[in-house]
Protein backbone atom coordinates (compact mmCIF):
# COMPACT_ATOMS: atom_id res chain seq x y z
CA MET A 1 39.99 6.76 -5.32
CA ALA A 2 36.79 9.17 -4.97
CA TYR A 3 34.85 9.38 -1.46
CA ASP A 4 31.87 7.02 -1.17
CA SER A 5 29.51 8.99 0.90
CA LYS A 6 26.50 6.28 0.50
CA ALA A 7 28.94 3.24 1.28
CA THR A 8 30.08 5.24 4.36
CA LYS A 9 26.80 5.68 5.45
CA GLU A 10 25.43 2.11 4.67
CA ARG A 11 28.96 0.74 6.69
CA ILE A 12 28.04 3.22 9.69
CA LEU A 13 24.30 2.13 9.70
CA ALA A 14 25.62 -2.11 9.86
CA ALA A 15 28.40 -0.97 12.39
CA ALA A 16 25.67 1.07 14.29
CA ALA A 17 23.22 -2.19 14.15
CA ALA A 18 25.57 -4.44 15.38
CA GLU A 19 26.72 -2.17 18.37
CA PHE A 20 23.35 -1.07 19.23
CA ALA A 21 21.71 -4.80 18.99
CA GLN A 22 24.14 -6.19 21.39
CA HIS A 23 24.56 -3.09 23.95
CA GLY A 24 21.73 -0.88 23.53
CA VAL A 25 21.49 2.78 23.09
CA ALA A 26 22.72 3.65 26.46
CA GLY A 27 25.87 1.33 26.20
CA ALA A 28 26.89 1.80 22.63
CA ARG A 29 30.13 3.46 21.77
CA VAL A 30 30.32 5.75 18.84
CA ASP A 31 33.93 5.21 18.94
CA ARG A 32 33.28 1.30 18.15
CA ILE A 33 30.94 1.99 15.68
CA ALA A 34 33.21 4.52 13.82
CA THR A 35 36.27 1.27 13.82
CA GLN A 36 34.12 -1.19 12.60
CA ALA A 37 32.53 0.63 9.89
CA LYS A 38 36.01 1.98 8.89
CA ALA A 39 34.49 5.75 9.31
CA ASN A 40 35.87 7.80 11.89
CA LYS A 41 33.67 9.56 14.27
CA ARG A 42 33.04 12.87 13.10
CA ALA A 43 31.62 11.26 9.64
CA ILE A 44 28.88 9.92 11.99
CA TYR A 45 28.03 12.79 13.77
CA ASP A 46 28.26 14.83 10.36
CA TYR A 47 25.66 12.40 8.59
CA PHE A 48 23.51 11.32 11.47
CA GLY A 49 23.60 13.66 14.48
CA ASP A 50 24.23 12.57 18.04
CA LYS A 51 23.95 8.91 19.32
CA ASN A 52 20.09 9.00 19.57
CA LYS A 53 19.57 10.07 16.19
CA LEU A 54 21.62 7.38 15.10
CA PHE A 55 19.65 4.83 16.66
CA ALA A 56 16.30 6.10 15.21
CA ALA A 57 18.34 5.99 11.63
CA VAL A 58 19.22 2.16 12.60
CA LEU A 59 15.69 1.84 13.13
CA GLU A 60 14.04 3.13 10.49
CA HIS A 61 16.66 1.31 8.44
CA LEU A 62 15.82 -1.93 9.65
CA MET A 63 12.06 -1.17 9.42
CA ALA A 64 12.08 -0.64 5.58
CA ASP A 65 14.31 -3.55 5.31
CA LEU A 66 11.78 -5.62 7.29
CA ALA A 67 8.91 -4.27 5.43
CA GLN A 68 10.41 -5.16 2.25
CA ALA A 69 11.55 -8.57 3.16
CA VAL A 70 8.21 -9.48 5.11
CA PRO A 71 5.06 -7.59 3.36
CA PRO A 72 1.92 -8.10 4.55
CA GLY A 73 0.90 -10.00 1.67
CA ASP A 74 -2.64 -11.31 1.41
CA GLU A 75 -5.32 -11.81 4.40
CA ASP A 76 -3.20 -15.00 5.35
CA LEU A 77 -2.40 -14.01 9.00
CA PRO A 78 -0.58 -17.40 9.93
CA ALA A 79 1.55 -17.58 6.86
CA TYR A 80 2.89 -14.11 7.53
CA ALA A 81 3.65 -15.46 10.94
CA GLU A 82 5.56 -17.93 9.36
CA ARG A 83 7.63 -15.13 6.81
CA LEU A 84 8.00 -12.92 9.84
CA PHE A 85 9.53 -15.83 12.20
CA ASP A 86 11.95 -16.83 9.49
CA TYR A 87 12.77 -13.23 9.19
CA HIS A 88 14.03 -12.97 12.80
CA ARG A 89 15.77 -15.98 12.66
CA THR A 90 18.05 -15.07 10.34
CA HIS A 91 18.13 -11.67 11.21
CA PRO A 92 18.10 -12.18 15.02
CA GLU A 93 19.22 -8.54 15.58
CA ALA A 94 16.19 -6.72 14.35
CA LEU A 95 13.95 -8.44 17.02
CA ARG A 96 16.99 -7.47 19.65
CA LEU A 97 16.81 -3.81 18.27
CA LEU A 98 13.22 -3.61 18.80
CA MET A 99 13.77 -4.91 22.14
CA TRP A 100 16.64 -2.59 23.31
CA GLU A 101 13.86 0.66 22.03
CA ALA A 102 11.12 -0.80 24.58
CA LEU A 103 13.57 -1.00 27.18
CA GLU A 104 15.14 2.31 26.33
CA LEU A 105 11.78 4.13 25.66
CA GLY A 106 9.06 2.32 27.22
CA ASP A 107 5.92 4.06 26.55
CA GLN A 108 7.37 7.22 24.95
CA PRO A 109 7.28 8.38 21.23
CA VAL A 110 9.66 6.27 19.14
CA PRO A 111 11.75 7.23 16.35
CA GLY A 112 9.61 7.47 13.12
CA GLU A 113 6.25 6.59 15.19
CA GLU A 114 4.17 8.17 12.21
CA VAL A 115 5.71 6.27 9.68
CA ARG A 116 6.05 2.98 11.53
CA THR A 117 2.63 3.47 12.29
CA GLN A 118 1.59 3.89 8.90
CA HIS A 119 3.09 0.44 8.16
CA TYR A 120 1.43 -1.76 10.79
CA GLU A 121 -1.83 0.31 9.51
CA ASP A 122 -0.68 -1.78 5.95
CA LYS A 123 -0.42 -5.06 7.91
CA ILE A 124 -4.00 -4.33 9.61
CA ARG A 125 -5.61 -3.86 6.44
CA ALA A 126 -4.20 -7.21 5.32
CA ALA A 127 -5.34 -9.17 8.90
CA ARG A 128 -8.86 -7.95 8.28
CA THR A 129 -11.18 -10.58 6.85
CA ASP A 130 -14.99 -10.26 7.34
CA ALA A 131 -14.33 -9.12 11.29
CA SER A 132 -14.07 -5.62 12.69
CA ASP A 133 -11.25 -3.49 13.09
CA GLY A 134 -10.74 -3.89 16.31
CA ALA A 135 -10.69 -7.77 15.46
CA ALA A 136 -8.00 -7.16 13.23
CA ARG A 137 -5.58 -4.97 15.41
CA ASN A 138 -5.79 -7.51 17.77
CA ARG A 139 -4.94 -10.47 15.86
CA LEU A 140 -2.18 -8.38 14.30
CA PHE A 141 -0.77 -7.61 17.82
CA LEU A 142 -1.23 -11.08 18.99
CA THR A 143 0.94 -12.33 16.17
CA LEU A 144 3.60 -10.00 16.62
CA GLY A 145 3.89 -11.06 20.10
CA LEU A 146 3.60 -14.85 19.21
CA VAL A 147 6.40 -14.43 16.85
CA GLY A 148 8.64 -12.25 18.94
CA TRP A 149 8.15 -13.73 21.78
CA SER A 150 8.95 -17.01 20.42
CA LEU A 151 12.37 -16.07 19.72
CA ALA A 152 13.07 -13.63 22.17
CA MET A 153 13.05 -15.61 25.01
CA PRO A 154 14.81 -19.10 23.96
CA GLN A 155 15.11 -20.23 27.92
CA LEU A 156 11.60 -19.85 28.25
CA ARG A 157 11.08 -22.17 25.29
CA ARG A 158 13.88 -24.11 26.72
CA MET A 159 11.84 -24.95 30.13
CA ILE A 160 8.42 -25.09 28.74
CA LEU A 161 8.94 -26.89 25.61
CA GLY A 162 11.79 -29.02 26.55
CA PRO A 163 15.44 -28.91 25.33
CA ASP A 164 14.73 -30.71 22.33
CA HIS A 165 12.03 -28.84 21.09
CA THR A 166 13.40 -27.23 17.70
CA LEU A 167 12.43 -23.81 16.27
CA GLU A 168 11.47 -26.02 13.47
CA GLN A 169 8.76 -27.44 15.44
CA LEU A 170 7.68 -24.01 17.09
CA ARG A 171 7.15 -22.28 13.20
CA PRO A 172 3.66 -24.35 12.61
CA ALA A 173 2.85 -24.20 16.24
CA ILE A 174 2.82 -20.55 15.90
CA ALA A 175 0.58 -20.15 12.73
CA GLU A 176 -1.78 -22.49 14.07
CA ALA A 177 -1.71 -20.37 17.23
CA VAL A 178 -2.44 -17.68 14.59
CA ARG A 179 -5.33 -19.26 13.14
CA ALA A 180 -6.99 -19.83 16.30
CA LEU A 181 -7.04 -16.22 17.29
CA PRO A 182 -10.87 -14.73 17.11
CA GLY A 183 -11.81 -13.54 14.23
CA HIS A 184 -10.05 -15.33 12.06
CA SER A 185 -11.48 -16.78 8.91
CA GLU A 186 -10.32 -19.19 6.69
CA THR A 187 -10.40 -17.88 2.93
CA PRO A 188 -11.71 -20.73 0.74
CA PRO A 189 -9.34 -21.68 -2.10
CA GLN A 190 -9.25 -20.15 -5.24
CA ASN A 191 -10.50 -22.25 -8.42
């Protein structure tokens, strides 16, 4: 059987995503990634470079998957928030990786920042209604915060909303909160 470099890269990215989501960049170990990916460490370094570059590749892959799975769509920001909420519920590693990025890089530039910024610009255009560009940016930022924080802090969710408050109950509440953000305008239904 011939060596399949594309399949090897995909296995490495999947194993690295799991490792980074669990341990962050500092705690991740290339030997564990290699073992999980059924690849040798040399392949990881040849394909991706050092551990930081591998983390950047994982994030780039993650953001591409997320953009494809949850496109900005129309101007219905509450519906976008619900789709994003659903995505992060089924892909919790995505939010964990973004949180590790924030913890480890803080306010420094992030891997692929220009491409990722352009992706957010697309979402801002979708969030823009008749309000200003600044209002659309604020609405998008707060929407991402409502979705992310709701899933990233299960202990606060339990303590504040109660142990019996389910994610199914939280999902429409997030959409309603997004609807209430300043600058949101209801688009009349098309006949």
